[in-house]
Amino acid sequence: MQKHAVSCALVRENPRFRSLLRRRNRYAFLLAGLIMLAYFAFILTLAFHPDWLARPLARGMTANLGILFGLGVIALTVLVTVLYVRRANREFDPEALEIRRQALK
Protein backbone atom coordinates (compact mmCIF):
# COMPACT_ATOMS: atom_id res chain seq x y z
CA MET A 1 0.00 0.00 0.00
CA GLN A 2 2.87 2.36 0.73
CA LYS A 3 4.32 2.02 -2.77
CA HIS A 4 0.92 2.86 -4.28
CA ALA A 5 0.58 5.98 -2.11
CA VAL A 6 4.08 7.11 -3.06
CA SER A 7 3.48 6.58 -6.79
CA CYS A 8 0.16 8.47 -6.59
CA ALA A 9 1.90 11.38 -4.87
CA LEU A 10 4.64 11.35 -7.52
CA VAL A 11 2.06 11.42 -10.29
CA ARG A 12 0.10 14.29 -8.71
CA GLU A 13 3.29 16.34 -8.24
CA ASN A 14 4.50 15.76 -11.79
CA PRO A 15 4.36 18.99 -13.86
CA ARG A 16 3.47 16.98 -16.99
CA PHE A 17 0.50 15.47 -15.14
CA ARG A 18 -0.72 18.89 -14.01
CA SER A 19 -0.39 20.19 -17.55
CA LEU A 20 -2.29 17.16 -18.84
CA LEU A 21 -5.10 17.78 -16.34
CA ARG A 22 -5.34 21.43 -17.35
CA ARG A 23 -5.49 20.57 -21.07
CA ARG A 24 -7.99 17.75 -20.55
CA ASN A 25 -10.23 19.83 -18.28
CA ARG A 26 -10.13 22.82 -20.63
CA TYR A 27 -11.12 20.59 -23.55
CA ALA A 28 -13.86 18.85 -21.57
CA PHE A 29 -15.33 22.14 -20.34
CA LEU A 30 -15.20 23.61 -23.85
CA LEU A 31 -17.15 20.66 -25.24
CA ALA A 32 -19.58 20.68 -22.30
CA GLY A 33 -20.12 24.41 -22.82
CA LEU A 34 -20.88 23.79 -26.48
CA ILE A 35 -23.53 21.23 -25.55
CA MET A 36 -25.00 23.52 -22.89
CA LEU A 37 -25.14 26.39 -25.38
CA ALA A 38 -26.94 24.27 -27.96
CA TYR A 39 -29.34 22.83 -25.39
CA PHE A 40 -30.25 26.17 -23.82
CA ALA A 41 -30.57 27.84 -27.22
CA PHE A 42 -33.08 25.15 -28.14
CA ILE A 43 -34.99 25.51 -24.84
CA LEU A 44 -35.01 29.32 -24.99
CA THR A 45 -36.19 29.25 -28.59
CA LEU A 46 -38.91 26.83 -27.56
CA ALA A 47 -39.92 29.11 -24.67
CA PHE A 48 -39.89 32.44 -26.50
CA HIS A 49 -40.49 31.56 -30.17
CA PRO A 50 -42.47 28.31 -30.25
CA ASP A 51 -44.18 29.43 -33.46
CA TRP A 52 -40.82 29.43 -35.25
CA LEU A 53 -40.06 25.85 -34.17
CA ALA A 54 -43.59 24.78 -35.12
CA ARG A 55 -43.02 25.60 -38.80
CA PRO A 56 -43.29 22.50 -40.99
CA LEU A 57 -40.14 21.39 -42.79
CA ALA A 58 -42.03 21.44 -46.08
CA ARG A 59 -45.57 22.18 -47.18
CA GLY A 60 -47.94 19.44 -46.07
CA MET A 61 -45.43 17.77 -43.70
CA THR A 62 -46.21 17.17 -40.05
CA ALA A 63 -42.50 17.20 -39.10
CA ASN A 64 -41.40 20.65 -37.99
CA LEU A 65 -38.24 22.63 -37.32
CA GLY A 66 -38.45 21.79 -33.61
CA ILE A 67 -38.00 18.10 -34.36
CA LEU A 68 -35.09 18.85 -36.67
CA PHE A 69 -33.34 21.06 -34.12
CA GLY A 70 -34.02 18.59 -31.30
CA LEU A 71 -32.41 15.84 -33.34
CA GLY A 72 -29.57 18.24 -34.08
CA VAL A 73 -28.91 18.70 -30.36
CA ILE A 74 -28.83 14.93 -29.91
CA ALA A 75 -26.51 14.52 -32.92
CA LEU A 76 -24.23 17.26 -31.56
CA THR A 77 -24.05 15.44 -28.23
CA VAL A 78 -22.99 12.23 -29.98
CA LEU A 79 -20.44 14.11 -32.08
CA VAL A 80 -18.94 15.85 -29.05
CA THR A 81 -18.69 12.50 -27.25
CA VAL A 82 -16.88 10.98 -30.23
CA LEU A 83 -14.51 13.96 -30.39
CA TYR A 84 -13.66 13.69 -26.69
CA VAL A 85 -13.14 9.92 -26.77
CA ARG A 86 -10.91 10.14 -29.86
CA ARG A 87 -8.72 12.82 -28.30
CA ALA A 88 -8.61 11.00 -24.98
CA ASN A 89 -7.55 7.77 -26.68
CA ARG A 90 -4.93 9.45 -28.88
CA GLU A 91 -3.51 12.08 -26.54
CA PHE A 92 -4.67 12.11 -22.92
CA ASP A 93 -4.59 8.40 -22.10
CA PRO A 94 -1.16 7.60 -23.60
CA GLU A 95 0.39 10.59 -21.85
CA ALA A 96 -1.21 9.63 -18.53
CA LEU A 97 0.09 6.08 -18.95
CA GLU A 98 3.61 7.36 -19.63
CA ILE A 99 3.50 9.60 -16.56
CA ARG A 100 2.32 6.65 -14.48
CA ARG A 101 5.11 4.43 -15.83
CA GLN A 102 7.69 7.06 -14.91
CA ALA A 103 6.29 7.31 -11.37
CA LEU A 104 6.49 3.53 -10.88
CA LYS A 105 10.20 3.37 -11.81
PDB file of N, CA and C in Angstrom:
ATOM      1  N   MET A   1       0.817  -1.201   0.000  1.00  0.00           N
ATOM      2  CA  MET A   1       0.000   0.000   0.000  1.00  0.00           C
ATOM      3  C   MET A   1       0.857   1.259   0.000  1.00  0.00           C
ATOM      4  N   GLN A   2       1.980   1.208   0.675  1.00  0.00           N
ATOM      5  CA  GLN A   2       2.867   2.362   0.734  1.00  0.00           C
ATOM      6  C   GLN A   2       3.389   2.749  -0.647  1.00  0.00           C
ATOM      7  N   LYS A   3       3.776   1.748  -1.434  1.00  0.00           N
ATOM      8  CA  LYS A   3       4.316   2.020  -2.767  1.00  0.00           C
ATOM      9  C   LYS A   3       3.259   2.702  -3.639  1.00  0.00           C
ATOM     10  N   HIS A   4       2.016   2.258  -3.511  1.00  0.00           N
ATOM     11  CA  HIS A   4       0.923   2.859  -4.280  1.00  0.00           C
ATOM     12  C   HIS A   4       0.733   4.322  -3.881  1.00  0.00           C
ATOM     13  N   ALA A   5       0.756   4.612  -2.588  1.00  0.00           N
ATOM     14  CA  ALA A   5       0.577   5.980  -2.110  1.00  0.00           C
ATOM     15  C   ALA A   5       1.717   6.869  -2.590  1.00  0.00           C
ATOM     16  N   VAL A   6       2.927   6.341  -2.591  1.00  0.00           N
ATOM     17  CA  VAL A   6       4.079   7.114  -3.057  1.00  0.00           C
ATOM     18  C   VAL A   6       3.963   7.388  -4.549  1.00  0.00           C
ATOM     19  N   SER A   7       3.594   6.371  -5.338  1.00  0.00           N
ATOM     20  CA  SER A   7       3.482   6.579  -6.786  1.00  0.00           C
ATOM     21  C   SER A   7       2.354   7.554  -7.113  1.00  0.00           C
ATOM     22  N   CYS A   8       1.249   7.511  -6.368  1.00  0.00           N
ATOM     23  CA  CYS A   8       0.157   8.472  -6.591  1.00  0.00           C
ATOM     24  C   CYS A   8       0.630   9.887  -6.292  1.00  0.00           C
ATOM     25  N   ALA A   9       1.372  10.052  -5.221  1.00  0.00           N
ATOM     26  CA  ALA A   9       1.904  11.375  -4.875  1.00  0.00           C
ATOM     27  C   ALA A   9       2.865  11.865  -5.953  1.00  0.00           C
ATOM     28  N   LEU A  10       3.704  10.969  -6.459  1.00  0.00           N
ATOM     29  CA  LEU A  10       4.639  11.348  -7.520  1.00  0.00           C
ATOM     30  C   LEU A  10       3.905  11.772  -8.788  1.00  0.00           C
ATOM     31  N   VAL A  11       2.844  11.065  -9.112  1.00  0.00           N
ATOM     32  CA  VAL A  11       2.056  11.416 -10.295  1.00  0.00           C
ATOM     33  C   VAL A  11       1.408  12.777 -10.106  1.00  0.00           C
ATOM     34  N   ARG A  12       0.786  13.006  -8.963  1.00  0.00           N
ATOM     35  CA  ARG A  12       0.104  14.286  -8.705  1.00  0.00           C
ATOM     36  C   ARG A  12       1.065  15.467  -8.721  1.00  0.00           C
ATOM     37  N   GLU A  13       2.295  15.254  -8.295  1.00  0.00           N
ATOM     38  CA  GLU A  13       3.286  16.338  -8.241  1.00  0.00           C
ATOM     39  C   GLU A  13       3.990  16.556  -9.575  1.00  0.00           C
ATOM     40  N   ASN A  14       3.831  15.669 -10.501  1.00  0.00           N
ATOM     41  CA  ASN A  14       4.502  15.756 -11.792  1.00  0.00           C
ATOM     42  C   ASN A  14       3.954  16.933 -12.603  1.00  0.00           C
ATOM     43  N   PRO A  15       4.831  17.845 -13.060  1.00  0.00           N
ATOM     44  CA  PRO A  15       4.358  18.988 -13.862  1.00  0.00           C
ATOM     45  C   PRO A  15       3.671  18.563 -15.167  1.00  0.00           C
ATOM     46  N   ARG A  16       4.128  17.474 -15.769  1.00  0.00           N
ATOM     47  CA  ARG A  16       3.465  16.979 -16.988  1.00  0.00           C
ATOM     48  C   ARG A  16       2.034  16.543 -16.689  1.00  0.00           C
ATOM     49  N   PHE A  17       1.836  15.918 -15.520  1.00  0.00           N
ATOM     50  CA  PHE A  17       0.497  15.474 -15.139  1.00  0.00           C
ATOM     51  C   PHE A  17      -0.417  16.672 -14.912  1.00  0.00           C
ATOM     52  N   ARG A  18       0.097  17.691 -14.241  1.00  0.00           N
ATOM     53  CA  ARG A  18      -0.717  18.892 -14.009  1.00  0.00           C
ATOM     54  C   ARG A  18      -1.077  19.573 -15.331  1.00  0.00           C
ATOM     55  N   SER A  19      -0.118  19.616 -16.229  1.00  0.00           N
ATOM     56  CA  SER A  19      -0.386  20.187 -17.549  1.00  0.00           C
ATOM     57  C   SER A  19      -1.435  19.366 -18.296  1.00  0.00           C
ATOM     58  N   LEU A  20      -1.316  18.050 -18.207  1.00  0.00           N
ATOM     59  CA  LEU A  20      -2.288  17.157 -18.838  1.00  0.00           C
ATOM     60  C   LEU A  20      -3.681  17.405 -18.274  1.00  0.00           C
ATOM     61  N   LEU A  21      -3.786  17.518 -16.954  1.00  0.00           N
ATOM     62  CA  LEU A  21      -5.095  17.777 -16.339  1.00  0.00           C
ATOM     63  C   LEU A  21      -5.680  19.098 -16.809  1.00  0.00           C
ATOM     64  N   ARG A  22      -4.849  20.133 -16.891  1.00  0.00           N
ATOM     65  CA  ARG A  22      -5.341  21.431 -17.355  1.00  0.00           C
ATOM     66  C   ARG A  22      -5.858  21.343 -18.790  1.00  0.00           C
ATOM     67  N   ARG A  23      -5.078  20.700 -19.672  1.00  0.00           N
ATOM     68  CA  ARG A  23      -5.495  20.570 -21.068  1.00  0.00           C
ATOM     69  C   ARG A  23      -6.764  19.736 -21.202  1.00  0.00           C
ATOM     70  N   ARG A  24      -6.805  18.623 -20.474  1.00  0.00           N
ATOM     71  CA  ARG A  24      -7.985  17.751 -20.550  1.00  0.00           C
ATOM     72  C   ARG A  24      -9.222  18.455 -20.009  1.00  0.00           C
ATOM     73  N   ASN A  25      -9.081  19.132 -18.871  1.00  0.00           N
ATOM     74  CA  ASN A  25     -10.228  19.830 -18.282  1.00  0.00           C
ATOM     75  C   ASN A  25     -10.701  20.981 -19.162  1.00  0.00           C
ATOM     76  N   ARG A  26      -9.759  21.717 -19.739  1.00  0.00           N
ATOM     77  CA  ARG A  26     -10.126  22.817 -20.626  1.00  0.00           C
ATOM     78  C   ARG A  26     -10.913  22.288 -21.825  1.00  0.00           C
ATOM     79  N   TYR A  27     -10.442  21.197 -22.399  1.00  0.00           N
ATOM     80  CA  TYR A  27     -11.120  20.589 -23.553  1.00  0.00           C
ATOM     81  C   TYR A  27     -12.502  20.073 -23.159  1.00  0.00           C
ATOM     82  N   ALA A  28     -12.584  19.393 -22.032  1.00  0.00           N
ATOM     83  CA  ALA A  28     -13.862  18.849 -21.572  1.00  0.00           C
ATOM     84  C   ALA A  28     -14.869  19.965 -21.287  1.00  0.00           C
ATOM     85  N   PHE A  29     -14.419  21.038 -20.639  1.00  0.00           N
ATOM     86  CA  PHE A  29     -15.332  22.140 -20.337  1.00  0.00           C
ATOM     87  C   PHE A  29     -15.747  22.886 -21.607  1.00  0.00           C
ATOM     88  N   LEU A  30     -14.844  22.991 -22.572  1.00  0.00           N
ATOM     89  CA  LEU A  30     -15.202  23.608 -23.849  1.00  0.00           C
ATOM     90  C   LEU A  30     -16.308  22.813 -24.543  1.00  0.00           C
ATOM     91  N   LEU A  31     -16.139  21.501 -24.598  1.00  0.00           N
ATOM     92  CA  LEU A  31     -17.152  20.660 -25.239  1.00  0.00           C
ATOM     93  C   LEU A  31     -18.463  20.664 -24.449  1.00  0.00           C
ATOM     94  N   ALA A  32     -18.367  20.628 -23.121  1.00  0.00           N
ATOM     95  CA  ALA A  32     -19.578  20.680 -22.297  1.00  0.00           C
ATOM     96  C   ALA A  32     -20.294  22.012 -22.491  1.00  0.00           C
ATOM     97  N   GLY A  33     -19.522  23.094 -22.586  1.00  0.00           N
ATOM     98  CA  GLY A  33     -20.115  24.411 -22.824  1.00  0.00           C
ATOM     99  C   GLY A  33     -20.833  24.476 -24.159  1.00  0.00           C
ATOM    100  N   LEU A  34     -20.251  23.846 -25.169  1.00  0.00           N
ATOM    101  CA  LEU A  34     -20.884  23.792 -26.485  1.00  0.00           C
ATOM    102  C   LEU A  34     -22.234  23.085 -26.414  1.00  0.00           C
ATOM    103  N   ILE A  35     -22.267  21.965 -25.708  1.00  0.00           N
ATOM    104  CA  ILE A  35     -23.527  21.226 -25.546  1.00  0.00           C
ATOM    105  C   ILE A  35     -24.545  22.061 -24.768  1.00  0.00           C
ATOM    106  N   MET A  36     -24.090  22.697 -23.698  1.00  0.00           N
ATOM    107  CA  MET A  36     -25.001  23.523 -22.892  1.00  0.00           C
ATOM    108  C   MET A  36     -25.555  24.683 -23.723  1.00  0.00           C
ATOM    109  N   LEU A  37     -24.702  25.290 -24.523  1.00  0.00           N
ATOM    110  CA  LEU A  37     -25.136  26.391 -25.378  1.00  0.00           C
ATOM    111  C   LEU A  37     -26.213  25.918 -26.357  1.00  0.00           C
ATOM    112  N   ALA A  38     -25.967  24.801 -27.001  1.00  0.00           N
ATOM    113  CA  ALA A  38     -26.942  24.267 -27.958  1.00  0.00           C
ATOM    114  C   ALA A  38     -28.256  23.901 -27.258  1.00  0.00           C
ATOM    115  N   TYR A  39     -28.145  23.249 -26.112  1.00  0.00           N
ATOM    116  CA  TYR A  39     -29.343  22.826 -25.386  1.00  0.00           C
ATOM    117  C   TYR A  39     -30.166  24.037 -24.940  1.00  0.00           C
ATOM    118  N   PHE A  40     -29.503  25.013 -24.314  1.00  0.00           N
ATOM    119  CA  PHE A  40     -30.246  26.170 -23.819  1.00  0.00           C
ATOM    120  C   PHE A  40     -30.768  27.046 -24.956  1.00  0.00           C
ATOM    121  N   ALA A  41     -30.047  27.104 -26.065  1.00  0.00           N
ATOM    122  CA  ALA A  41     -30.568  27.837 -27.225  1.00  0.00           C
ATOM    123  C   ALA A  41     -31.862  27.187 -27.698  1.00  0.00           C
ATOM    124  N   PHE A  42     -31.876  25.862 -27.732  1.00  0.00           N
ATOM    125  CA  PHE A  42     -33.085  25.145 -28.137  1.00  0.00           C
ATOM    126  C   PHE A  42     -34.232  25.414 -27.155  1.00  0.00           C
ATOM    127  N   ILE A  43     -33.948  25.299 -25.868  1.00  0.00           N
ATOM    128  CA  ILE A  43     -34.988  25.505 -24.845  1.00  0.00           C
ATOM    129  C   ILE A  43     -35.493  26.943 -24.858  1.00  0.00           C
ATOM    130  N   LEU A  44     -34.587  27.912 -24.971  1.00  0.00           N
ATOM    131  CA  LEU A  44     -35.015  29.316 -24.991  1.00  0.00           C
ATOM    132  C   LEU A  44     -35.815  29.641 -26.253  1.00  0.00           C
ATOM    133  N   THR A  45     -35.419  29.063 -27.364  1.00  0.00           N
ATOM    134  CA  THR A  45     -36.193  29.253 -28.589  1.00  0.00           C
ATOM    135  C   THR A  45     -37.583  28.643 -28.424  1.00  0.00           C
ATOM    136  N   LEU A  46     -37.630  27.488 -27.816  1.00  0.00           N
ATOM    137  CA  LEU A  46     -38.907  26.828 -27.560  1.00  0.00           C
ATOM    138  C   LEU A  46     -39.780  27.671 -26.629  1.00  0.00           C
ATOM    139  N   ALA A  47     -39.161  28.308 -25.642  1.00  0.00           N
ATOM    140  CA  ALA A  47     -39.917  29.108 -24.675  1.00  0.00           C
ATOM    141  C   ALA A  47     -40.405  30.433 -25.263  1.00  0.00           C
ATOM    142  N   PHE A  48     -39.554  31.089 -26.058  1.00  0.00           N
ATOM    143  CA  PHE A  48     -39.892  32.438 -26.499  1.00  0.00           C
ATOM    144  C   PHE A  48     -40.347  32.544 -27.957  1.00  0.00           C
ATOM    145  N   HIS A  49     -40.054  31.551 -28.772  1.00  0.00           N
ATOM    146  CA  HIS A  49     -40.486  31.559 -30.174  1.00  0.00           C
ATOM    147  C   HIS A  49     -40.982  30.177 -30.606  1.00  0.00           C
ATOM    148  N   PRO A  50     -41.991  29.652 -29.897  1.00  0.00           N
ATOM    149  CA  PRO A  50     -42.471  28.315 -30.251  1.00  0.00           C
ATOM    150  C   PRO A  50     -43.084  28.270 -31.651  1.00  0.00           C
ATOM    151  N   ASP A  51     -43.594  29.396 -32.110  1.00  0.00           N
ATOM    152  CA  ASP A  51     -44.176  29.432 -33.457  1.00  0.00           C
ATOM    153  C   ASP A  51     -43.112  29.187 -34.528  1.00  0.00           C
ATOM    154  N   TRP A  52     -41.899  29.646 -34.288  1.00  0.00           N
ATOM    155  CA  TRP A  52     -40.821  29.428 -35.250  1.00  0.00           C
ATOM    156  C   TRP A  52     -40.470  27.945 -35.341  1.00  0.00           C
ATOM    157  N   LEU A  53     -40.392  27.278 -34.186  1.00  0.00           N
ATOM    158  CA  LEU A  53     -40.059  25.855 -34.173  1.00  0.00           C
ATOM    159  C   LEU A  53     -41.217  24.991 -34.677  1.00  0.00           C
ATOM    160  N   ALA A  54     -42.429  25.548 -34.664  1.00  0.00           N
ATOM    161  CA  ALA A  54     -43.595  24.781 -35.121  1.00  0.00           C
ATOM    162  C   ALA A  54     -43.757  24.798 -36.639  1.00  0.00           C
ATOM    163  N   ARG A  55     -42.924  25.560 -37.338  1.00  0.00           N
ATOM    164  CA  ARG A  55     -43.022  25.597 -38.802  1.00  0.00           C
ATOM    165  C   ARG A  55     -42.736  24.222 -39.393  1.00  0.00           C
ATOM    166  N   PRO A  56     -43.553  23.799 -40.339  1.00  0.00           N
ATOM    167  CA  PRO A  56     -43.287  22.502 -40.991  1.00  0.00           C
ATOM    168  C   PRO A  56     -42.022  22.581 -41.839  1.00  0.00           C
ATOM    169  N   LEU A  57     -41.352  21.451 -41.982  1.00  0.00           N
ATOM    170  CA  LEU A  57     -40.135  21.391 -42.791  1.00  0.00           C
ATOM    171  C   LEU A  57     -40.437  21.658 -44.264  1.00  0.00           C
ATOM    172  N   ALA A  58     -41.590  21.202 -44.710  1.00  0.00           N
ATOM    173  CA  ALA A  58     -42.035  21.437 -46.084  1.00  0.00           C
ATOM    174  C   ALA A  58     -43.567  21.485 -46.082  1.00  0.00           C
ATOM    175  N   ARG A  59     -44.114  22.062 -47.094  1.00  0.00           N
ATOM    176  CA  ARG A  59     -45.574  22.181 -47.175  1.00  0.00           C
ATOM    177  C   ARG A  59     -46.227  20.800 -47.107  1.00  0.00           C
ATOM    178  N   GLY A  60     -47.199  20.679 -46.215  1.00  0.00           N
ATOM    179  CA  GLY A  60     -47.942  19.439 -46.073  1.00  0.00           C
ATOM    180  C   GLY A  60     -47.296  18.424 -45.134  1.00  0.00           C
ATOM    181  N   MET A  61     -46.109  18.711 -44.624  1.00  0.00           N
ATOM    182  CA  MET A  61     -45.432  17.768 -43.702  1.00  0.00           C
ATOM    183  C   MET A  61     -45.867  18.030 -42.274  1.00  0.00           C
ATOM    184  N   THR A  62     -45.908  16.986 -41.473  1.00  0.00           N
ATOM    185  CA  THR A  62     -46.205  17.165 -40.047  1.00  0.00           C
ATOM    186  C   THR A  62     -44.922  17.374 -39.250  1.00  0.00           C
ATOM    187  N   ALA A  63     -43.782  16.960 -39.781  1.00  0.00           N
ATOM    188  CA  ALA A  63     -42.501  17.196 -39.098  1.00  0.00           C
ATOM    189  C   ALA A  63     -42.191  18.686 -39.163  1.00  0.00           C
ATOM    190  N   ASN A  64     -41.666  19.219 -38.038  1.00  0.00           N
ATOM    191  CA  ASN A  64     -41.403  20.650 -37.990  1.00  0.00           C
ATOM    192  C   ASN A  64     -39.946  20.941 -37.632  1.00  0.00           C
ATOM    193  N   LEU A  65     -39.611  22.223 -37.629  1.00  0.00           N
ATOM    194  CA  LEU A  65     -38.237  22.632 -37.319  1.00  0.00           C
ATOM    195  C   LEU A  65     -37.816  22.208 -35.909  1.00  0.00           C
ATOM    196  N   GLY A  66     -38.763  22.186 -34.990  1.00  0.00           N
ATOM    197  CA  GLY A  66     -38.453  21.788 -33.613  1.00  0.00           C
ATOM    198  C   GLY A  66     -37.896  20.374 -33.554  1.00  0.00           C
ATOM    199  N   ILE A  67     -38.489  19.477 -34.309  1.00  0.00           N
ATOM    200  CA  ILE A  67     -37.999  18.098 -34.359  1.00  0.00           C
ATOM    201  C   ILE A  67     -36.595  18.063 -34.950  1.00  0.00           C
ATOM    202  N   LEU A  68     -36.405  18.810 -36.017  1.00  0.00           N
ATOM    203  CA  LEU A  68     -35.092  18.848 -36.667  1.00  0.00           C
ATOM    204  C   LEU A  68     -34.014  19.389 -35.720  1.00  0.00           C
ATOM    205  N   PHE A  69     -34.316  20.485 -35.037  1.00  0.00           N
ATOM    206  CA  PHE A  69     -33.336  21.057 -34.124  1.00  0.00           C
ATOM    207  C   PHE A  69     -33.126  20.188 -32.893  1.00  0.00           C
ATOM    208  N   GLY A  70     -34.174  19.531 -32.417  1.00  0.00           N
ATOM    209  CA  GLY A  70     -34.023  18.593 -31.301  1.00  0.00           C
ATOM    210  C   GLY A  70     -33.108  17.440 -31.672  1.00  0.00           C
ATOM    211  N   LEU A  71     -33.305  16.898 -32.862  1.00  0.00           N
ATOM    212  CA  LEU A  71     -32.408  15.836 -33.337  1.00  0.00           C
ATOM    213  C   LEU A  71     -30.989  16.359 -33.541  1.00  0.00           C
ATOM    214  N   GLY A  72     -30.885  17.616 -33.928  1.00  0.00           N
ATOM    215  CA  GLY A  72     -29.572  18.236 -34.076  1.00  0.00           C
ATOM    216  C   GLY A  72     -28.824  18.327 -32.759  1.00  0.00           C
ATOM    217  N   VAL A  73     -29.536  18.652 -31.688  1.00  0.00           N
ATOM    218  CA  VAL A  73     -28.907  18.701 -30.362  1.00  0.00           C
ATOM    219  C   VAL A  73     -28.426  17.307 -29.965  1.00  0.00           C
ATOM    220  N   ILE A  74     -29.232  16.301 -30.225  1.00  0.00           N
ATOM    221  CA  ILE A  74     -28.826  14.927 -29.914  1.00  0.00           C
ATOM    222  C   ILE A  74     -27.614  14.533 -30.750  1.00  0.00           C
ATOM    223  N   ALA A  75     -27.639  14.843 -32.039  1.00  0.00           N
ATOM    224  CA  ALA A  75     -26.510  14.522 -32.916  1.00  0.00           C
ATOM    225  C   ALA A  75     -25.246  15.252 -32.473  1.00  0.00           C
ATOM    226  N   LEU A  76     -25.385  16.508 -32.048  1.00  0.00           N
ATOM    227  CA  LEU A  76     -24.229  17.264 -31.559  1.00  0.00           C
ATOM    228  C   LEU A  76     -23.655  16.613 -30.306  1.00  0.00           C
ATOM    229  N   THR A  77     -24.515  16.121 -29.443  1.00  0.00           N
ATOM    230  CA  THR A  77     -24.048  15.435 -28.234  1.00  0.00           C
ATOM    231  C   THR A  77     -23.239  14.192 -28.587  1.00  0.00           C
ATOM    232  N   VAL A  78     -23.724  13.422 -29.537  1.00  0.00           N
ATOM    233  CA  VAL A  78     -22.995  12.226 -29.977  1.00  0.00           C
ATOM    234  C   VAL A  78     -21.660  12.628 -30.597  1.00  0.00           C
ATOM    235  N   LEU A  79     -21.662  13.644 -31.438  1.00  0.00           N
ATOM    236  CA  LEU A  79     -20.436  14.114 -32.082  1.00  0.00           C
ATOM    237  C   LEU A  79     -19.409  14.584 -31.055  1.00  0.00           C
ATOM    238  N   VAL A  80     -19.854  15.350 -30.085  1.00  0.00           N
ATOM    239  CA  VAL A  80     -18.945  15.847 -29.045  1.00  0.00           C
ATOM    240  C   VAL A  80     -18.379  14.687 -28.241  1.00  0.00           C
ATOM    241  N   THR A  81     -19.178  13.685 -27.966  1.00  0.00           N
ATOM    242  CA  THR A  81     -18.695  12.500 -27.247  1.00  0.00           C
ATOM    243  C   THR A  81     -17.626  11.782 -28.059  1.00  0.00           C
ATOM    244  N   VAL A  82     -17.868  11.630 -29.344  1.00  0.00           N
ATOM    245  CA  VAL A  82     -16.882  10.983 -30.226  1.00  0.00           C
ATOM    246  C   VAL A  82     -15.592  11.792 -30.261  1.00  0.00           C
ATOM    247  N   LEU A  83     -15.696  13.112 -30.365  1.00  0.00           N
ATOM    248  CA  LEU A  83     -14.506  13.964 -30.386  1.00  0.00           C
ATOM    249  C   LEU A  83     -13.692  13.816 -29.103  1.00  0.00           C
ATOM    250  N   TYR A  84     -14.382  13.813 -27.953  1.00  0.00           N
ATOM    251  CA  TYR A  84     -13.664  13.694 -26.691  1.00  0.00           C
ATOM    252  C   TYR A  84     -12.985  12.328 -26.571  1.00  0.00           C
ATOM    253  N   VAL A  85     -13.701  11.274 -26.894  1.00  0.00           N
ATOM    254  CA  VAL A  85     -13.140   9.919 -26.774  1.00  0.00           C
ATOM    255  C   VAL A  85     -11.940   9.748 -27.703  1.00  0.00           C
ATOM    256  N   ARG A  86     -12.040  10.250 -28.926  1.00  0.00           N
ATOM    257  CA  ARG A  86     -10.907  10.140 -29.861  1.00  0.00           C
ATOM    258  C   ARG A  86      -9.677  10.865 -29.331  1.00  0.00           C
ATOM    259  N   ARG A  87      -9.872  12.076 -28.824  1.00  0.00           N
ATOM    260  CA  ARG A  87      -8.722  12.823 -28.296  1.00  0.00           C
ATOM    261  C   ARG A  87      -8.171  12.177 -27.036  1.00  0.00           C
ATOM    262  N   ALA A  88      -9.061  11.678 -26.194  1.00  0.00           N
ATOM    263  CA  ALA A  88      -8.608  11.001 -24.975  1.00  0.00           C
ATOM    264  C   ALA A  88      -7.792   9.762 -25.328  1.00  0.00           C
ATOM    265  N   ASN A  89      -8.262   8.987 -26.285  1.00  0.00           N
ATOM    266  CA  ASN A  89      -7.551   7.767 -26.684  1.00  0.00           C
ATOM    267  C   ASN A  89      -6.217   8.068 -27.360  1.00  0.00           C
ATOM    268  N   ARG A  90      -6.148   9.133 -28.126  1.00  0.00           N
ATOM    269  CA  ARG A  90      -4.931   9.453 -28.876  1.00  0.00           C
ATOM    270  C   ARG A  90      -3.926  10.266 -28.084  1.00  0.00           C
ATOM    271  N   GLU A  91      -4.406  11.131 -27.195  1.00  0.00           N
ATOM    272  CA  GLU A  91      -3.510  12.082 -26.541  1.00  0.00           C
ATOM    273  C   GLU A  91      -3.479  11.930 -25.026  1.00  0.00           C
ATOM    274  N   PHE A  92      -4.636  12.056 -24.387  1.00  0.00           N
ATOM    275  CA  PHE A  92      -4.671  12.107 -22.924  1.00  0.00           C
ATOM    276  C   PHE A  92      -4.273  10.786 -22.276  1.00  0.00           C
ATOM    277  N   ASP A  93      -4.859   9.691 -22.718  1.00  0.00           N
ATOM    278  CA  ASP A  93      -4.587   8.395 -22.096  1.00  0.00           C
ATOM    279  C   ASP A  93      -3.142   7.929 -22.267  1.00  0.00           C
ATOM    280  N   PRO A  94      -2.559   8.016 -23.474  1.00  0.00           N
ATOM    281  CA  PRO A  94      -1.162   7.601 -23.603  1.00  0.00           C
ATOM    282  C   PRO A  94      -0.214   8.446 -22.743  1.00  0.00           C
ATOM    283  N   GLU A  95      -0.475   9.744 -22.666  1.00  0.00           N
ATOM    284  CA  GLU A  95       0.386  10.595 -21.846  1.00  0.00           C
ATOM    285  C   GLU A  95       0.236  10.258 -20.365  1.00  0.00           C
ATOM    286  N   ALA A  96      -0.982  10.005 -19.926  1.00  0.00           N
ATOM    287  CA  ALA A  96      -1.208   9.627 -18.529  1.00  0.00           C
ATOM    288  C   ALA A  96      -0.518   8.304 -18.211  1.00  0.00           C
ATOM    289  N   LEU A  97      -0.569   7.369 -19.147  1.00  0.00           N
ATOM    290  CA  LEU A  97       0.092   6.085 -18.952  1.00  0.00           C
ATOM    291  C   LEU A  97       1.609   6.252 -18.846  1.00  0.00           C
ATOM    292  N   GLU A  98       2.169   7.108 -19.684  1.00  0.00           N
ATOM    293  CA  GLU A  98       3.608   7.358 -19.630  1.00  0.00           C
ATOM    294  C   GLU A  98       4.009   8.018 -18.316  1.00  0.00           C
ATOM    295  N   ILE A  99       3.229   8.942 -17.852  1.00  0.00           N
ATOM    296  CA  ILE A  99       3.501   9.603 -16.563  1.00  0.00           C
ATOM    297  C   ILE A  99       3.433   8.574 -15.439  1.00  0.00           C
ATOM    298  N   ARG A 100       2.463   7.695 -15.492  1.00  0.00           N
ATOM    299  CA  ARG A 100       2.322   6.646 -14.476  1.00  0.00           C
ATOM    300  C   ARG A 100       3.513   5.693 -14.509  1.00  0.00           C
ATOM    301  N   ARG A 101       3.945   5.318 -15.712  1.00  0.00           N
ATOM    302  CA  ARG A 101       5.112   4.432 -15.827  1.00  0.00           C
ATOM    303  C   ARG A 101       6.349   5.072 -15.216  1.00  0.00           C
ATOM    304  N   GLN A 102       6.548   6.360 -15.470  1.00  0.00           N
ATOM    305  CA  GLN A 102       7.692   7.056 -14.907  1.00  0.00           C
ATOM    306  C   GLN A 102       7.635   7.080 -13.385  1.00  0.00           C
ATOM    307  N   ALA A 103       6.440   7.251 -12.835  1.00  0.00           N
ATOM    308  CA  ALA A 103       6.292   7.311 -11.373  1.00  0.00           C
ATOM    309  C   ALA A 103       6.557   5.952 -10.735  1.00  0.00           C
ATOM    310  N   LEU A 104       6.291   4.865 -11.453  1.00  0.00           N
ATOM    311  CA  LEU A 104       6.487   3.533 -10.879  1.00  0.00           C
ATOM    312  C   LEU A 104       7.941   3.057 -10.970  1.00  0.00           C
ATOM    313  N   LYS A 105       8.793   3.766 -11.693  1.00  0.00           N
ATOM    314  CA  LYS A 105      10.201   3.375 -11.812  1.00  0.00           C
ATOM    315  C   LYS A 105      10.946   3.572 -10.519  1.00  0.00           C
TER     316      LYS A 105
END
